[in-house]
Amino acid sequence: MTTRTGTQLTRTANHRRRMKLSLLGILTATATLAAACDSGGSVSDLEDGGGEQDTMEADPEHEGEEIELEFWTFVDAHADFMKERAEEFNAENSDYNIVINSSIADFGEMHDRLLVALQSGAGAPDIVDIEIGRFGTFVRGDVQLHPLTDVVDEHRDQLVEERLAPYQSDGVEYGIDYHLGTYVMYYNKAVLDEAGVDADEIVTWDDYIEAGKQVVENTDAMMTSVEPASASTLLGLMKQNGGGVYDENNELILDSPQNVEAVQLISDMVHEHGIAEPTPGGENHEPTYYEAFNNGEYASVWMPQWYMIRFKDFMPDTEGDILVRPLPEFEPGGNISTMGGGTGTAITTQIDEDKLDAAKQFLGFAKLTEEAQVALWTDLGFDPFRNDVYDDPALTEPDPWFNNEPVMTNLLDMFDRLAPEYTGPRYPEATTELGENVAYEVIEEGADPQEALERATDSVRSIDE
């Protein structure tokens, strides 16, 4: 293991200070919410101090029973999406007239409020978005979310089953996602062309490494960068290789051989083969990284499908040059993709019983119907997880930014070699360990991947001791 430089020590100290401040913020928000609930108030009473309300107008001419649903989310676009789906639902449904009252708050604040509201037994919304990294927190012990298995079953034969797994507990569906989040490799064709590399000849990770050496030798670019301050780089390959955080039996597998092999591969790219370096800014969402990729400093990056919009928003010079391809395989016939990110919409047990049927009907309509899944692409830019929508004209249209290829159609070919992801009760803590400790130790310090993963596993397991 290498010795930390002064810069690295400063970075670590700053990181620890940020963690303390973050924890203090969570505790403060939690205490504030608990006080509001204890005094007979509700979460809505706090909105003036840190949230945005968006109330949908009811249709006075609609003959169905008016059902107001309070909806919490941390994404403005999700609130708009659900409001539009409600208008469509009402136009087709004579039994209910759904009115969505959205509350939009900061990511951490919203999840912390939700946890306290459910634990206190008061103040929770009817329906709520729960991000995948936090979902495990809400299925520990006495689950206070309504089962949605019957809603999913109505559409299951057309759904990509792997996308349902992250929101299950003991085989019960508790959340319905917005998208698939298919991991892909984004290649910068301009850099590969300069290096004399054909992306379509990269089939295995060995091929990828050899192509990376060619890029480094013939251009001023690196093959890729890997994140020392985020779990995304590690998790993508860990899951692809049959690992991840939990398995289908709800067992923690953070230090599994599959994970060790995947993290070792990433470490070797940096420390042995010299085709990768730490991501500028530490993560693939930092301005310094966007600038570097936009300037042609990297030939590729692996991220989920939703990262497509980052190129258009932050890397304008890549227009026309980005190729979307499967991940290279670890072994012949192995997985060529997995899933990353996601947000499951759930129904809390604090909903009035007389609203439950309407809420379940609406959620199935808004998330799982063919029309809704097409809208996930056209309205939000997300890859749907219904197999039967990929021949819809909205998804087959070539995208000039991405080499004028029909990107969504290309994704469909990956679905039969897609590794699932399972979340469990300590999934949030495990991914934090990966992003804040394992990634930094392995990528920046050259730590042994197996030892780093074992330390992380011990840390997660110690939480419940």
Protein backbone atom coordinates (compact mmCIF):
# COMPACT_ATOMS: atom_id res chain seq x y z
CA MET A 1 0.00 0.00 0.00
CA THR A 2 1.30 3.43 -0.85
CA THR A 3 1.80 6.17 1.69
CA ARG A 4 -0.75 8.95 1.61
CA THR A 5 0.47 12.29 0.33
CA GLY A 6 -0.25 15.53 2.12
CA THR A 7 -2.99 16.25 -0.41
CA GLN A 8 -4.60 12.88 0.25
CA LEU A 9 -4.47 13.38 4.01
CA THR A 10 -6.05 16.80 3.62
CA ARG A 11 -8.73 15.31 1.40
CA THR A 12 -9.47 12.61 3.98
CA ALA A 13 -9.67 15.12 6.81
CA ASN A 14 -12.01 17.33 4.79
CA HIS A 15 -14.11 14.32 3.93
CA ARG A 16 -14.47 13.39 7.59
CA ARG A 17 -15.49 16.94 8.46
CA ARG A 18 -18.12 16.86 5.70
CA MET A 19 -19.43 13.57 7.04
CA LYS A 20 -19.79 15.05 10.52
CA LEU A 21 -21.63 18.06 9.13
CA SER A 22 -23.86 15.80 7.05
CA LEU A 23 -24.71 13.70 10.08
CA LEU A 24 -25.43 16.85 12.08
CA GLY A 25 -27.79 18.01 9.33
CA ILE A 26 -29.64 14.70 9.36
CA LEU A 27 -29.99 14.73 13.12
CA THR A 28 -31.24 18.32 13.05
CA ALA A 29 -33.83 17.57 10.37
CA THR A 30 -34.90 14.44 12.23
CA ALA A 31 -35.29 16.29 15.53
CA THR A 32 -37.29 19.05 13.86
CA LEU A 33 -39.65 16.58 12.23
CA ALA A 34 -40.06 14.59 15.43
CA ALA A 35 -41.00 17.78 17.26
CA ALA A 36 -43.59 18.62 14.62
CA CYS A 37 -45.13 15.16 14.86
CA ASP A 38 -45.11 15.22 18.67
CA SER A 39 -46.99 18.52 18.64
CA GLY A 40 -49.70 17.13 16.41
CA GLY A 41 -48.31 18.70 13.23
CA SER A 42 -47.49 17.00 9.97
CA VAL A 43 -44.63 17.06 7.51
CA SER A 44 -46.58 19.51 5.40
CA ASP A 45 -46.27 22.00 8.24
CA LEU A 46 -42.54 22.08 7.55
CA GLU A 47 -42.77 22.79 3.84
CA ASP A 48 -42.30 26.53 4.25
CA GLY A 49 -38.92 25.77 5.74
CA GLY A 50 -37.53 23.63 2.96
CA GLY A 51 -39.80 22.23 0.28
CA GLU A 52 -42.02 23.03 -2.66
CA GLN A 53 -45.73 22.27 -2.99
CA ASP A 54 -47.31 21.55 -6.35
CA THR A 55 -51.06 20.97 -6.17
CA MET A 56 -52.93 19.59 -9.15
CA GLU A 57 -56.30 21.10 -10.01
CA ALA A 58 -59.25 18.74 -9.82
CA ASP A 59 -61.51 18.33 -12.86
CA PRO A 60 -64.98 19.46 -11.71
CA GLU A 61 -66.66 17.75 -14.67
CA HIS A 62 -65.17 14.32 -13.93
CA GLU A 63 -67.81 11.92 -12.65
CA GLY A 64 -65.48 9.71 -10.62
CA GLU A 65 -64.84 9.94 -6.90
CA GLU A 66 -62.23 12.60 -6.16
CA ILE A 67 -59.15 11.08 -4.51
CA GLU A 68 -56.40 13.40 -3.30
CA LEU A 69 -53.02 11.72 -3.01
CA GLU A 70 -50.15 13.40 -1.21
CA PHE A 71 -46.95 12.59 -3.07
CA TRP A 72 -43.42 13.19 -1.84
CA THR A 73 -40.45 13.24 -4.19
CA PHE A 74 -36.99 14.74 -4.45
CA VAL A 75 -37.08 15.23 -8.24
CA ASP A 76 -39.09 18.01 -9.87
CA ALA A 77 -39.46 16.03 -13.08
CA HIS A 78 -40.97 13.10 -11.18
CA ALA A 79 -43.67 15.40 -9.78
CA ASP A 80 -44.49 16.63 -13.29
CA PHE A 81 -44.50 13.07 -14.61
CA MET A 82 -46.95 11.82 -11.99
CA LYS A 83 -49.24 14.82 -12.49
CA GLU A 84 -49.41 14.14 -16.23
CA ARG A 85 -50.08 10.46 -15.64
CA ALA A 86 -52.92 11.42 -13.27
CA GLU A 87 -54.53 13.56 -15.96
CA GLU A 88 -54.34 10.62 -18.37
CA PHE A 89 -55.67 8.23 -15.74
CA ASN A 90 -58.65 10.47 -15.06
CA ALA A 91 -59.43 10.74 -18.77
CA GLU A 92 -59.66 6.94 -19.01
CA ASN A 93 -61.14 6.09 -15.60
CA SER A 94 -64.69 6.83 -14.53
CA ASP A 95 -64.37 5.48 -10.98
CA TYR A 96 -61.75 7.84 -9.61
CA ASN A 97 -60.63 11.41 -10.19
CA ILE A 98 -57.03 11.45 -8.95
CA VAL A 99 -55.59 14.73 -7.66
CA ILE A 100 -51.84 14.70 -7.00
CA ASN A 101 -50.54 17.07 -4.31
CA SER A 102 -46.76 16.96 -4.69
CA SER A 103 -44.18 17.99 -2.11
CA ILE A 104 -40.65 18.31 -3.51
CA ALA A 105 -37.73 18.44 -1.11
CA ASP A 106 -34.00 17.86 -1.02
CA PHE A 107 -32.93 14.21 -1.39
CA GLY A 108 -31.61 13.70 2.13
CA GLU A 109 -34.23 15.85 3.79
CA MET A 110 -37.12 14.03 2.14
CA HIS A 111 -35.86 10.56 3.03
CA ASP A 112 -35.09 11.57 6.60
CA ARG A 113 -38.56 13.09 7.02
CA LEU A 114 -40.14 9.97 5.65
CA LEU A 115 -38.24 7.70 8.01
CA VAL A 116 -39.25 9.70 11.07
CA ALA A 117 -42.87 10.00 9.90
CA LEU A 118 -43.15 6.24 9.46
CA GLN A 119 -41.41 5.50 12.74
CA SER A 120 -43.63 7.97 14.63
CA GLY A 121 -46.81 6.71 12.98
CA ALA A 122 -47.92 10.14 11.75
CA GLY A 123 -47.22 12.60 8.97
CA ALA A 124 -46.27 10.30 6.10
CA PRO A 125 -47.55 10.89 2.56
CA ASP A 126 -49.86 8.57 0.64
CA ILE A 127 -47.32 7.77 -2.07
CA VAL A 128 -43.60 8.49 -2.05
CA ASP A 129 -40.44 8.14 -4.13
CA ILE A 130 -37.71 6.19 -2.33
CA GLU A 131 -34.29 6.15 -3.98
CA ILE A 132 -32.69 2.72 -4.38
CA GLY A 133 -29.80 3.53 -2.09
CA ARG A 134 -32.20 4.32 0.75
CA PHE A 135 -34.90 1.73 0.05
CA GLY A 136 -33.38 -0.92 2.28
CA THR A 137 -33.86 1.36 5.28
CA PHE A 138 -37.63 1.17 4.83
CA VAL A 139 -37.95 -2.61 4.64
CA ARG A 140 -36.27 -3.35 7.96
CA GLY A 141 -38.40 -4.87 10.68
CA ASP A 142 -42.08 -3.92 10.52
CA VAL A 143 -42.44 -2.68 6.92
CA GLN A 144 -44.75 0.33 6.73
CA LEU A 145 -45.23 0.22 2.99
CA HIS A 146 -48.15 -1.50 1.31
CA PRO A 147 -47.36 -4.63 -0.74
CA LEU A 148 -47.63 -3.98 -4.47
CA THR A 149 -47.20 -7.52 -5.75
CA ASP A 150 -50.75 -7.64 -7.12
CA VAL A 151 -50.15 -4.41 -9.03
CA VAL A 152 -46.93 -5.74 -10.57
CA ASP A 153 -48.45 -9.14 -11.36
CA GLU A 154 -50.91 -7.54 -13.79
CA HIS A 155 -47.95 -6.56 -16.00
CA ARG A 156 -45.23 -9.00 -14.94
CA ASP A 157 -45.13 -11.04 -18.16
CA GLN A 158 -43.91 -7.95 -20.06
CA LEU A 159 -41.54 -6.58 -17.42
CA VAL A 160 -37.79 -7.02 -17.08
CA GLU A 161 -37.89 -9.05 -13.87
CA GLU A 162 -34.45 -7.96 -12.74
CA ARG A 163 -35.68 -4.37 -12.39
CA LEU A 164 -38.20 -5.46 -9.76
CA ALA A 165 -35.70 -7.14 -7.43
CA PRO A 166 -34.27 -4.01 -5.75
CA TYR A 167 -37.67 -3.14 -4.28
CA GLN A 168 -38.57 -6.58 -2.99
CA SER A 169 -38.29 -7.95 0.52
CA ASP A 170 -38.99 -11.61 1.23
CA GLY A 171 -40.47 -11.89 -2.26
CA VAL A 172 -42.94 -9.03 -1.78
CA GLU A 173 -42.95 -5.98 -4.07
CA TYR A 174 -42.93 -2.70 -2.14
CA GLY A 175 -41.89 -0.20 -4.80
CA ILE A 176 -42.20 0.36 -8.55
CA ASP A 177 -39.28 1.97 -10.36
CA TYR A 178 -39.22 4.64 -13.04
CA HIS A 179 -36.67 2.95 -15.27
CA LEU A 180 -34.23 0.14 -15.87
CA GLY A 181 -30.92 2.00 -15.50
CA THR A 182 -29.03 -0.33 -17.83
CA TYR A 183 -25.25 -0.13 -17.36
CA VAL A 184 -23.51 0.51 -20.69
CA MET A 185 -20.10 1.48 -21.94
CA TYR A 186 -19.94 4.93 -23.52
CA TYR A 187 -17.10 5.14 -26.04
CA ASN A 188 -15.77 8.36 -27.52
CA LYS A 189 -15.45 7.31 -31.16
CA ALA A 190 -13.23 10.27 -32.03
CA VAL A 191 -10.59 9.14 -29.53
CA LEU A 192 -10.89 5.47 -30.53
CA ASP A 193 -10.52 6.37 -34.21
CA GLU A 194 -7.36 8.30 -33.47
CA ALA A 195 -6.02 5.28 -31.60
CA GLY A 196 -7.01 2.85 -34.35
CA VAL A 197 -9.49 0.99 -32.14
CA ASP A 198 -12.84 -0.43 -33.24
CA ALA A 199 -15.30 -0.44 -30.33
CA ASP A 200 -17.20 -3.37 -31.79
CA GLU A 201 -14.12 -5.57 -31.53
CA ILE A 202 -14.04 -5.09 -27.75
CA VAL A 203 -15.89 -8.16 -26.45
CA THR A 204 -14.11 -9.10 -23.22
CA TRP A 205 -12.44 -7.09 -20.47
CA ASP A 206 -9.12 -8.40 -21.76
CA ASP A 207 -9.99 -6.83 -25.11
CA TYR A 208 -10.83 -3.61 -23.30
CA ILE A 209 -7.46 -3.53 -21.56
CA GLU A 210 -5.59 -4.14 -24.82
CA ALA A 211 -7.61 -1.41 -26.53
CA GLY A 212 -6.79 0.87 -23.60
CA LYS A 213 -3.09 0.30 -24.07
CA GLN A 214 -3.49 1.22 -27.73
CA VAL A 215 -5.32 4.42 -26.77
CA VAL A 216 -2.61 5.41 -24.28
CA GLU A 217 0.16 4.66 -26.79
CA ASN A 218 -1.35 6.46 -29.78
CA THR A 219 -3.21 9.41 -28.26
CA ASP A 220 -2.97 11.89 -25.41
CA ALA A 221 -6.02 10.28 -23.78
CA MET A 222 -6.55 7.59 -21.17
CA MET A 223 -8.91 4.70 -21.84
CA THR A 224 -11.06 5.67 -18.86
CA SER A 225 -11.14 7.11 -15.37
CA VAL A 226 -12.48 5.40 -12.25
CA GLU A 227 -14.23 7.10 -9.36
CA PRO A 228 -12.38 7.23 -6.01
CA ALA A 229 -15.27 8.99 -4.25
CA SER A 230 -18.32 7.09 -5.50
CA ALA A 231 -19.57 3.50 -5.56
CA SER A 232 -20.78 3.65 -9.19
CA THR A 233 -17.58 2.51 -10.91
CA LEU A 234 -17.13 -0.43 -8.55
CA LEU A 235 -20.76 -1.48 -8.28
CA GLY A 236 -21.31 -1.68 -12.02
CA LEU A 237 -18.65 -4.34 -12.49
CA MET A 238 -19.33 -6.06 -9.17
CA LYS A 239 -22.96 -6.68 -10.12
CA GLN A 240 -22.11 -7.57 -13.71
CA ASN A 241 -19.77 -10.26 -12.40
CA GLY A 242 -22.48 -11.87 -10.28
CA GLY A 243 -21.67 -10.03 -7.08
CA GLY A 244 -23.09 -6.85 -5.60
CA VAL A 245 -24.13 -5.99 -2.07
CA TYR A 246 -26.78 -8.65 -1.33
CA ASP A 247 -27.80 -11.88 -2.99
CA GLU A 248 -31.30 -13.19 -3.66
CA ASN A 249 -31.37 -14.78 -0.20
CA ASN A 250 -30.86 -11.40 1.47
CA GLU A 251 -27.31 -12.32 2.49
CA LEU A 252 -24.57 -9.68 2.54
CA ILE A 253 -21.97 -10.62 -0.11
CA LEU A 254 -19.81 -7.50 -0.16
CA ASP A 255 -16.57 -9.49 0.12
CA SER A 256 -17.59 -12.28 -2.29
CA PRO A 257 -15.03 -13.68 -4.79
CA GLN A 258 -17.02 -12.12 -7.65
CA ASN A 259 -16.71 -8.68 -6.07
CA VAL A 260 -13.02 -9.14 -5.35
CA GLU A 261 -12.39 -10.11 -8.98
CA ALA A 262 -14.28 -7.07 -10.28
CA VAL A 263 -12.56 -4.58 -7.99
CA GLN A 264 -9.18 -6.16 -8.74
CA LEU A 265 -9.83 -5.60 -12.45
CA ILE A 266 -10.45 -1.91 -11.80
CA SER A 267 -7.38 -1.66 -9.61
CA ASP A 268 -5.25 -3.30 -12.31
CA MET A 269 -6.47 -0.80 -14.90
CA VAL A 270 -4.95 1.95 -12.77
CA HIS A 271 -1.95 0.40 -11.05
CA GLU A 272 -0.81 -2.35 -13.43
CA HIS A 273 -1.94 -1.57 -16.97
CA GLY A 274 -1.87 2.22 -16.76
CA ILE A 275 -4.99 2.72 -18.88
CA ALA A 276 -7.09 4.44 -16.21
CA GLU A 277 -6.69 7.15 -13.60
CA PRO A 278 -8.78 8.56 -10.74
CA THR A 279 -11.72 10.57 -12.02
CA PRO A 280 -11.14 14.34 -11.87
CA GLY A 281 -13.21 15.66 -9.01
CA GLY A 282 -13.67 12.16 -7.64
CA GLU A 283 -16.99 11.40 -9.36
CA ASN A 284 -18.47 11.23 -12.86
CA HIS A 285 -20.88 14.05 -11.98
CA GLU A 286 -18.28 16.73 -11.24
CA PRO A 287 -17.70 19.74 -13.55
CA THR A 288 -13.99 18.96 -13.74
CA TYR A 289 -14.78 15.50 -15.08
CA TYR A 290 -17.28 16.81 -17.61
CA GLU A 291 -14.65 19.24 -18.86
CA ALA A 292 -12.02 16.52 -19.16
CA PHE A 293 -14.26 14.09 -21.06
CA ASN A 294 -15.53 16.90 -23.25
CA ASN A 295 -11.91 17.74 -24.13
CA GLY A 296 -11.25 14.17 -25.29
CA GLU A 297 -9.11 13.14 -22.33
CA TYR A 298 -10.90 9.79 -21.97
CA ALA A 299 -11.95 7.20 -24.52
CA SER A 300 -14.74 5.63 -22.47
CA VAL A 301 -16.76 5.52 -19.28
CA TRP A 302 -19.21 2.93 -17.91
CA MET A 303 -22.39 4.31 -16.39
CA PRO A 304 -26.14 3.57 -16.51
CA GLN A 305 -28.33 4.62 -19.43
CA TRP A 306 -29.59 7.72 -17.64
CA TYR A 307 -26.09 9.18 -17.95
CA MET A 308 -26.84 9.83 -21.63
CA ILE A 309 -28.32 13.20 -20.79
CA ARG A 310 -25.06 14.30 -19.15
CA PHE A 311 -23.34 14.33 -22.52
CA LYS A 312 -25.96 16.61 -24.01
CA ASP A 313 -26.10 18.88 -20.97
CA PHE A 314 -22.44 19.12 -19.99
CA MET A 315 -20.20 17.74 -22.77
CA PRO A 316 -21.30 19.51 -25.97
CA ASP A 317 -18.19 18.69 -27.99
CA THR A 318 -19.01 14.97 -27.86
CA GLU A 319 -22.01 15.39 -30.15
CA GLY A 320 -22.11 12.64 -32.76
CA ASP A 321 -19.14 10.78 -31.29
CA ILE A 322 -20.58 8.75 -28.41
CA LEU A 323 -21.15 5.04 -28.98
CA VAL A 324 -23.40 3.11 -26.59
CA ARG A 325 -22.26 -0.49 -26.24
CA PRO A 326 -22.58 -3.42 -23.79
CA LEU A 327 -20.07 -3.83 -21.01
CA PRO A 328 -17.24 -6.18 -21.99
CA GLU A 329 -17.87 -9.67 -20.64
CA PHE A 330 -15.88 -11.33 -17.84
CA GLU A 331 -16.32 -14.75 -19.44
CA PRO A 332 -17.80 -16.03 -22.73
CA GLY A 333 -21.58 -15.86 -22.60
CA GLY A 334 -21.53 -13.96 -19.30
CA ASN A 335 -23.47 -10.87 -18.33
CA ILE A 336 -22.94 -7.80 -20.49
CA SER A 337 -24.92 -5.38 -18.36
CA THR A 338 -26.51 -4.78 -15.00
CA MET A 339 -28.51 -1.99 -13.39
CA GLY A 340 -27.55 1.25 -11.70
CA GLY A 341 -29.59 3.77 -9.79
CA GLY A 342 -33.33 3.90 -9.56
CA THR A 343 -36.22 5.21 -7.50
CA GLY A 344 -39.14 3.08 -6.38
CA THR A 345 -42.52 4.69 -5.81
CA ALA A 346 -44.28 3.20 -2.79
CA ILE A 347 -47.60 3.52 -0.95
CA THR A 348 -47.26 4.05 2.79
CA THR A 349 -49.45 2.30 5.34
CA GLN A 350 -50.58 5.70 6.61
CA ILE A 351 -52.78 6.19 3.55
CA ASP A 352 -56.53 6.17 4.31
CA GLU A 353 -57.93 2.74 3.53
CA ASP A 354 -60.62 4.25 1.33
CA LYS A 355 -57.86 5.67 -0.92
CA LEU A 356 -55.78 2.51 -1.18
CA ASP A 357 -57.53 0.91 -4.15
CA ALA A 358 -57.39 4.14 -6.14
CA ALA A 359 -53.72 4.65 -5.29
CA LYS A 360 -52.79 1.14 -6.39
CA GLN A 361 -54.74 1.42 -9.63
CA PHE A 362 -53.12 4.77 -10.35
CA LEU A 363 -49.59 3.60 -9.57
CA GLY A 364 -49.94 0.63 -11.91
CA PHE A 365 -51.25 2.94 -14.62
CA ALA A 366 -48.59 5.59 -14.08
CA LYS A 367 -45.60 3.26 -14.01
CA LEU A 368 -46.32 -0.08 -15.67
CA THR A 369 -48.68 0.33 -18.63
CA GLU A 370 -47.26 0.40 -22.12
CA GLU A 371 -48.16 4.09 -22.54
CA ALA A 372 -46.53 5.02 -19.24
CA GLN A 373 -43.33 3.17 -20.08
CA VAL A 374 -43.04 4.99 -23.40
CA ALA A 375 -43.55 8.26 -21.52
CA LEU A 376 -40.66 7.34 -19.21
CA TRP A 377 -38.43 7.70 -22.26
CA THR A 378 -40.11 10.63 -23.98
CA ASP A 379 -40.71 12.67 -20.81
CA LEU A 380 -37.83 11.70 -18.54
CA GLY A 381 -35.21 10.18 -20.85
CA PHE A 382 -35.22 6.86 -18.94
CA ASP A 383 -34.94 3.36 -20.40
CA PRO A 384 -38.25 1.52 -19.89
CA PHE A 385 -38.46 -1.90 -18.32
CA ARG A 386 -41.34 -3.26 -20.40
CA ASN A 387 -39.97 -5.40 -23.21
CA ASP A 388 -42.87 -4.68 -25.54
CA VAL A 389 -42.28 -0.93 -25.87
CA TYR A 390 -38.92 -1.12 -27.59
CA ASP A 391 -40.48 -1.31 -31.04
CA ASP A 392 -42.45 1.88 -30.43
CA PRO A 393 -41.45 4.63 -32.89
CA ALA A 394 -40.52 6.90 -29.99
CA LEU A 395 -37.81 4.44 -28.98
CA THR A 396 -36.57 3.31 -32.38
CA GLU A 397 -35.67 6.76 -33.66
CA PRO A 398 -31.90 7.20 -34.24
CA ASP A 399 -30.18 9.75 -32.03
CA PRO A 400 -27.69 11.96 -33.88
CA TRP A 401 -25.73 12.64 -30.70
CA PHE A 402 -24.99 8.94 -30.28
CA ASN A 403 -23.57 8.16 -33.71
CA ASN A 404 -27.09 8.39 -35.17
CA GLU A 405 -27.95 4.98 -33.73
CA PRO A 406 -31.26 3.83 -32.17
CA VAL A 407 -29.85 3.61 -28.67
CA MET A 408 -32.96 2.24 -27.02
CA THR A 409 -33.19 -0.60 -29.55
CA ASN A 410 -29.56 -1.47 -28.84
CA LEU A 411 -30.35 -1.77 -25.14
CA LEU A 412 -33.00 -4.42 -25.74
CA ASP A 413 -30.33 -6.83 -26.95
CA MET A 414 -28.67 -6.69 -23.50
CA PHE A 415 -31.70 -7.70 -21.46
CA ASP A 416 -31.19 -11.46 -21.72
CA ARG A 417 -27.67 -11.04 -20.27
CA LEU A 418 -28.54 -8.59 -17.53
CA ALA A 419 -27.31 -9.16 -13.97
CA PRO A 420 -29.89 -8.36 -11.27
CA GLU A 421 -29.37 -6.23 -8.20
CA TYR A 422 -30.65 -7.08 -4.74
CA THR A 423 -30.97 -4.64 -1.89
CA GLY A 424 -31.13 -5.55 1.77
CA PRO A 425 -31.49 -3.94 5.18
CA ARG A 426 -27.98 -2.45 5.26
CA TYR A 427 -27.69 -1.62 1.57
CA PRO A 428 -27.37 2.15 2.27
CA GLU A 429 -24.49 1.64 4.69
CA ALA A 430 -22.79 -0.86 2.37
CA THR A 431 -22.82 1.46 -0.64
CA THR A 432 -21.52 4.25 1.58
CA GLU A 433 -18.61 2.02 2.57
CA LEU A 434 -17.90 1.29 -1.09
CA GLY A 435 -17.98 4.91 -2.16
CA GLU A 436 -16.20 6.49 0.77
CA ASN A 437 -13.66 3.86 1.77
CA VAL A 438 -13.17 0.96 -0.64
CA ALA A 439 -13.03 3.09 -3.80
CA TYR A 440 -10.56 5.56 -2.30
CA GLU A 441 -8.36 2.91 -0.73
CA VAL A 442 -8.14 0.80 -3.88
CA ILE A 443 -7.98 3.49 -6.54
CA GLU A 444 -5.99 6.22 -4.81
CA GLU A 445 -3.92 4.19 -2.34
CA GLY A 446 -3.49 0.90 -4.19
CA ALA A 447 -4.96 -1.14 -1.35
CA ASP A 448 -5.60 -4.85 -1.82
CA PRO A 449 -9.22 -5.20 -3.06
CA GLN A 450 -9.97 -8.29 -0.98
CA GLU A 451 -8.71 -6.68 2.22
CA ALA A 452 -10.61 -3.46 1.50
CA LEU A 453 -13.84 -5.35 0.84
CA GLU A 454 -13.39 -7.46 3.95
CA ARG A 455 -12.95 -4.34 6.07
CA ALA A 456 -16.08 -2.86 4.53
CA THR A 457 -18.04 -6.05 5.18
CA ASP A 458 -16.95 -6.13 8.82
CA SER A 459 -17.95 -2.50 9.20
CA VAL A 460 -21.44 -3.10 7.82
CA ARG A 461 -22.00 -6.22 9.90
CA SER A 462 -20.89 -4.43 13.06
CA ILE A 463 -23.82 -2.00 12.79
CA ASP A 464 -26.25 -4.58 14.13
CA GLU A 465 -23.93 -5.99 16.79
